[in-house]
Each structure stands twice: as C-alpha cells, then as structure tokens.
Amino acid sequence: MGCIINILINLETGINAMVVLGGMIFGLASAGLCEMIRNQLDKDGSLPCKK
C-alpha cells in the first residue's frame, strides 16, 4: 500500500527507484508501528486477535 501511495504522489515528477523504495520503506514502517501498538495495547491478552 505504501508503494502505491508514494507512486500516486510522485506521478507528475516521475517514477524511479527512489520513489518505489521509499514507498516500500513507508509500508514496512507503518506495518511495524501498527503491530507494535497492537502488542502494547494487548499486554494482558484481552483484545480479540484479528489475524
């Protein structure tokens, strides 16, 4: 998803390896942050798992 968003943002300036790589890094960072927050909120195991 991060790759798609980054490509759409940079359509007028051109798509190159930096745009794609930046999108991949953004997607990986957002997934990791989401996982970290979910783990912090679910320390006692009371939240339902959405896997």
PDB file of N, CA and C in Angstrom:
ATOM      1  N   MET A   1       0.827  -1.195   0.000  1.00  0.00           N
ATOM      2  CA  MET A   1       0.000   0.000   0.000  1.00  0.00           C
ATOM      3  C   MET A   1       0.873   1.260   0.000  1.00  0.00           C
ATOM      4  N   GLY A   2       1.970   1.220   0.730  1.00  0.00           N
ATOM      5  CA  GLY A   2       2.847   2.380   0.782  1.00  0.00           C
ATOM      6  C   GLY A   2       3.445   2.705  -0.574  1.00  0.00           C
ATOM      7  N   CYS A   3       3.755   1.663  -1.330  1.00  0.00           N
ATOM      8  CA  CYS A   3       4.315   1.840  -2.672  1.00  0.00           C
ATOM      9  C   CYS A   3       3.302   2.524  -3.589  1.00  0.00           C
ATOM     10  N   ILE A   4       2.069   2.080  -3.536  1.00  0.00           N
ATOM     11  CA  ILE A   4       1.024   2.650  -4.390  1.00  0.00           C
ATOM     12  C   ILE A   4       0.798   4.119  -4.053  1.00  0.00           C
ATOM     13  N   ILE A   5       0.727   4.436  -2.775  1.00  0.00           N
ATOM     14  CA  ILE A   5       0.517   5.826  -2.363  1.00  0.00           C
ATOM     15  C   ILE A   5       1.677   6.703  -2.798  1.00  0.00           C
ATOM     16  N   ASN A   6       2.907   6.221  -2.616  1.00  0.00           N
ATOM     17  CA  ASN A   6       4.073   7.004  -2.988  1.00  0.00           C
ATOM     18  C   ASN A   6       4.151   7.216  -4.500  1.00  0.00           C
ATOM     19  N   ILE A   7       3.777   6.222  -5.280  1.00  0.00           N
ATOM     20  CA  ILE A   7       3.770   6.373  -6.741  1.00  0.00           C
ATOM     21  C   ILE A   7       2.722   7.390  -7.162  1.00  0.00           C
ATOM     22  N   LEU A   8       1.536   7.329  -6.559  1.00  0.00           N
ATOM     23  CA  LEU A   8       0.483   8.294  -6.896  1.00  0.00           C
ATOM     24  C   LEU A   8       0.884   9.725  -6.539  1.00  0.00           C
ATOM     25  N   ILE A   9       1.579   9.888  -5.422  1.00  0.00           N
ATOM     26  CA  ILE A   9       2.025  11.227  -5.013  1.00  0.00           C
ATOM     27  C   ILE A   9       3.053  11.777  -5.995  1.00  0.00           C
ATOM     28  N   ASN A  10       3.916  10.918  -6.529  1.00  0.00           N
ATOM     29  CA  ASN A  10       5.020  11.355  -7.385  1.00  0.00           C
ATOM     30  C   ASN A  10       4.764  11.129  -8.867  1.00  0.00           C
ATOM     31  N   LEU A  11       3.525  11.023  -9.293  1.00  0.00           N
ATOM     32  CA  LEU A  11       3.229  10.790 -10.707  1.00  0.00           C
ATOM     33  C   LEU A  11       3.725  11.917 -11.607  1.00  0.00           C
ATOM     34  N   GLU A  12       3.558  13.167 -11.182  1.00  0.00           N
ATOM     35  CA  GLU A  12       3.941  14.276 -12.060  1.00  0.00           C
ATOM     36  C   GLU A  12       5.451  14.495 -12.123  1.00  0.00           C
ATOM     37  N   THR A  13       6.182  14.069 -11.072  1.00  0.00           N
ATOM     38  CA  THR A  13       7.632  14.255 -11.095  1.00  0.00           C
ATOM     39  C   THR A  13       8.358  13.068 -11.709  1.00  0.00           C
ATOM     40  N   GLY A  14       7.657  11.959 -11.858  1.00  0.00           N
ATOM     41  CA  GLY A  14       8.261  10.774 -12.451  1.00  0.00           C
ATOM     42  C   GLY A  14       8.488   9.682 -11.426  1.00  0.00           C
ATOM     43  N   ILE A  15       8.405   8.465 -11.891  1.00  0.00           N
ATOM     44  CA  ILE A  15       8.569   7.309 -11.018  1.00  0.00           C
ATOM     45  C   ILE A  15       9.958   6.734 -11.261  1.00  0.00           C
ATOM     46  N   ASN A  16      10.717   6.600 -10.203  1.00  0.00           N
ATOM     47  CA  ASN A  16      12.042   5.991 -10.302  1.00  0.00           C
ATOM     48  C   ASN A  16      12.240   5.038  -9.124  1.00  0.00           C
ATOM     49  N   ALA A  17      13.426   4.508  -8.997  1.00  0.00           N
ATOM     50  CA  ALA A  17      13.699   3.535  -7.937  1.00  0.00           C
ATOM     51  C   ALA A  17      13.553   4.148  -6.548  1.00  0.00           C
ATOM     52  N   MET A  18      13.892   5.412  -6.395  1.00  0.00           N
ATOM     53  CA  MET A  18      13.778   6.074  -5.093  1.00  0.00           C
ATOM     54  C   MET A  18      12.322   6.164  -4.646  1.00  0.00           C
ATOM     55  N   VAL A  19      11.426   6.421  -5.575  1.00  0.00           N
ATOM     56  CA  VAL A  19      10.001   6.516  -5.251  1.00  0.00           C
ATOM     57  C   VAL A  19       9.475   5.161  -4.803  1.00  0.00           C
ATOM     58  N   VAL A  20       9.821   4.107  -5.539  1.00  0.00           N
ATOM     59  CA  VAL A  20       9.353   2.760  -5.200  1.00  0.00           C
ATOM     60  C   VAL A  20       9.956   2.300  -3.875  1.00  0.00           C
ATOM     61  N   LEU A  21      11.254   2.516  -3.701  1.00  0.00           N
ATOM     62  CA  LEU A  21      11.919   2.118  -2.461  1.00  0.00           C
ATOM     63  C   LEU A  21      11.371   2.892  -1.266  1.00  0.00           C
ATOM     64  N   GLY A  22      11.127   4.170  -1.451  1.00  0.00           N
ATOM     65  CA  GLY A  22      10.542   4.974  -0.376  1.00  0.00           C
ATOM     66  C   GLY A  22       9.164   4.473   0.016  1.00  0.00           C
ATOM     67  N   GLY A  23       8.376   4.079  -0.966  1.00  0.00           N
ATOM     68  CA  GLY A  23       7.057   3.528  -0.680  1.00  0.00           C
ATOM     69  C   GLY A  23       7.136   2.207   0.063  1.00  0.00           C
ATOM     70  N   MET A  24       8.096   1.378  -0.318  1.00  0.00           N
ATOM     71  CA  MET A  24       8.267   0.092   0.365  1.00  0.00           C
ATOM     72  C   MET A  24       8.683   0.290   1.817  1.00  0.00           C
ATOM     73  N   ILE A  25       9.580   1.227   2.048  1.00  0.00           N
ATOM     74  CA  ILE A  25      10.022   1.515   3.418  1.00  0.00           C
ATOM     75  C   ILE A  25       8.882   2.095   4.236  1.00  0.00           C
ATOM     76  N   PHE A  26       8.099   2.989   3.641  1.00  0.00           N
ATOM     77  CA  PHE A  26       6.949   3.572   4.326  1.00  0.00           C
ATOM     78  C   PHE A  26       5.936   2.490   4.707  1.00  0.00           C
ATOM     79  N   GLY A  27       5.663   1.569   3.798  1.00  0.00           N
ATOM     80  CA  GLY A  27       4.731   0.485   4.080  1.00  0.00           C
ATOM     81  C   GLY A  27       5.221  -0.427   5.188  1.00  0.00           C
ATOM     82  N   LEU A  28       6.505  -0.760   5.166  1.00  0.00           N
ATOM     83  CA  LEU A  28       7.081  -1.615   6.192  1.00  0.00           C
ATOM     84  C   LEU A  28       7.059  -0.928   7.558  1.00  0.00           C
ATOM     85  N   ALA A  29       7.374   0.366   7.590  1.00  0.00           N
ATOM     86  CA  ALA A  29       7.369   1.108   8.849  1.00  0.00           C
ATOM     87  C   ALA A  29       5.957   1.218   9.420  1.00  0.00           C
ATOM     88  N   SER A  30       4.958   1.453   8.573  1.00  0.00           N
ATOM     89  CA  SER A  30       3.594   1.580   9.082  1.00  0.00           C
ATOM     90  C   SER A  30       3.068   0.244   9.594  1.00  0.00           C
ATOM     91  N   ALA A  31       3.429  -0.857   8.933  1.00  0.00           N
ATOM     92  CA  ALA A  31       3.013  -2.175   9.408  1.00  0.00           C
ATOM     93  C   ALA A  31       3.669  -2.501  10.742  1.00  0.00           C
ATOM     94  N   GLY A  32       4.930  -2.169  10.882  1.00  0.00           N
ATOM     95  CA  GLY A  32       5.633  -2.400  12.143  1.00  0.00           C
ATOM     96  C   GLY A  32       5.075  -1.563  13.273  1.00  0.00           C
ATOM     97  N   LEU A  33       4.736  -0.316  12.989  1.00  0.00           N
ATOM     98  CA  LEU A  33       4.168   0.559  14.010  1.00  0.00           C
ATOM     99  C   LEU A  33       2.801   0.054  14.445  1.00  0.00           C
ATOM    100  N   CYS A  34       1.996  -0.381  13.514  1.00  0.00           N
ATOM    101  CA  CYS A  34       0.675  -0.932  13.830  1.00  0.00           C
ATOM    102  C   CYS A  34       0.810  -2.169  14.715  1.00  0.00           C
ATOM    103  N   GLU A  35       1.751  -3.025  14.383  1.00  0.00           N
ATOM    104  CA  GLU A  35       1.980  -4.249  15.160  1.00  0.00           C
ATOM    105  C   GLU A  35       2.464  -3.909  16.572  1.00  0.00           C
ATOM    106  N   MET A  36       3.348  -2.913  16.679  1.00  0.00           N
ATOM    107  CA  MET A  36       3.861  -2.520  17.983  1.00  0.00           C
ATOM    108  C   MET A  36       2.755  -1.959  18.872  1.00  0.00           C
ATOM    109  N   ILE A  37       1.906  -1.105  18.307  1.00  0.00           N
ATOM    110  CA  ILE A  37       0.813  -0.517  19.084  1.00  0.00           C
ATOM    111  C   ILE A  37      -0.169  -1.603  19.512  1.00  0.00           C
ATOM    112  N   ARG A  38      -0.481  -2.523  18.590  1.00  0.00           N
ATOM    113  CA  ARG A  38      -1.401  -3.615  18.935  1.00  0.00           C
ATOM    114  C   ARG A  38      -0.833  -4.477  20.061  1.00  0.00           C
ATOM    115  N   ASN A  39       0.458  -4.754  20.015  1.00  0.00           N
ATOM    116  CA  ASN A  39       1.085  -5.549  21.074  1.00  0.00           C
ATOM    117  C   ASN A  39       1.115  -4.803  22.398  1.00  0.00           C
ATOM    118  N   GLN A  40       1.313  -3.494  22.362  1.00  0.00           N
ATOM    119  CA  GLN A  40       1.331  -2.709  23.592  1.00  0.00           C
ATOM    120  C   GLN A  40      -0.062  -2.646  24.232  1.00  0.00           C
ATOM    121  N   LEU A  41      -1.097  -2.558  23.404  1.00  0.00           N
ATOM    122  CA  LEU A  41      -2.460  -2.489  23.931  1.00  0.00           C
ATOM    123  C   LEU A  41      -2.950  -3.852  24.413  1.00  0.00           C
ATOM    124  N   ASP A  42      -2.376  -4.912  23.903  1.00  0.00           N
ATOM    125  CA  ASP A  42      -2.836  -6.262  24.221  1.00  0.00           C
ATOM    126  C   ASP A  42      -1.866  -6.990  25.143  1.00  0.00           C
ATOM    127  N   LYS A  43      -1.321  -6.297  26.135  1.00  0.00           N
ATOM    128  CA  LYS A  43      -0.356  -6.926  27.030  1.00  0.00           C
ATOM    129  C   LYS A  43      -0.978  -8.052  27.851  1.00  0.00           C
ATOM    130  N   ASP A  44      -2.232  -7.885  28.246  1.00  0.00           N
ATOM    131  CA  ASP A  44      -2.869  -8.903  29.094  1.00  0.00           C
ATOM    132  C   ASP A  44      -3.628  -9.955  28.285  1.00  0.00           C
ATOM    133  N   GLY A  45      -3.668  -9.834  26.962  1.00  0.00           N
ATOM    134  CA  GLY A  45      -4.319 -10.834  26.129  1.00  0.00           C
ATOM    135  C   GLY A  45      -5.822 -10.701  26.049  1.00  0.00           C
ATOM    136  N   SER A  46      -6.363  -9.548  26.420  1.00  0.00           N
ATOM    137  CA  SER A  46      -7.822  -9.398  26.441  1.00  0.00           C
ATOM    138  C   SER A  46      -8.419  -8.955  25.104  1.00  0.00           C
ATOM    139  N   LEU A  47      -7.601  -8.397  24.209  1.00  0.00           N
ATOM    140  CA  LEU A  47      -8.129  -7.963  22.927  1.00  0.00           C
ATOM    141  C   LEU A  47      -8.296  -9.145  21.979  1.00  0.00           C
ATOM    142  N   PRO A  48      -9.361  -9.140  21.181  1.00  0.00           N
ATOM    143  CA  PRO A  48      -9.511 -10.237  20.216  1.00  0.00           C
ATOM    144  C   PRO A  48      -8.460 -10.138  19.108  1.00  0.00           C
ATOM    145  N   CYS A  49      -7.945 -11.256  18.703  1.00  0.00           N
ATOM    146  CA  CYS A  49      -6.921 -11.296  17.667  1.00  0.00           C
ATOM    147  C   CYS A  49      -7.564 -11.153  16.295  1.00  0.00           C
ATOM    148  N   LYS A  50      -7.010 -10.275  15.416  1.00  0.00           N
ATOM    149  CA  LYS A  50      -7.574 -10.036  14.077  1.00  0.00           C
ATOM    150  C   LYS A  50      -6.642 -10.578  13.005  1.00  0.00           C
ATOM    151  N   LYS A  51      -6.185 -11.808  13.120  1.00  0.00           N
ATOM    152  CA  LYS A  51      -5.272 -12.369  12.122  1.00  0.00           C
ATOM    153  C   LYS A  51      -5.981 -13.234  11.150  1.00  0.00           C
TER     154      LYS A  51
END
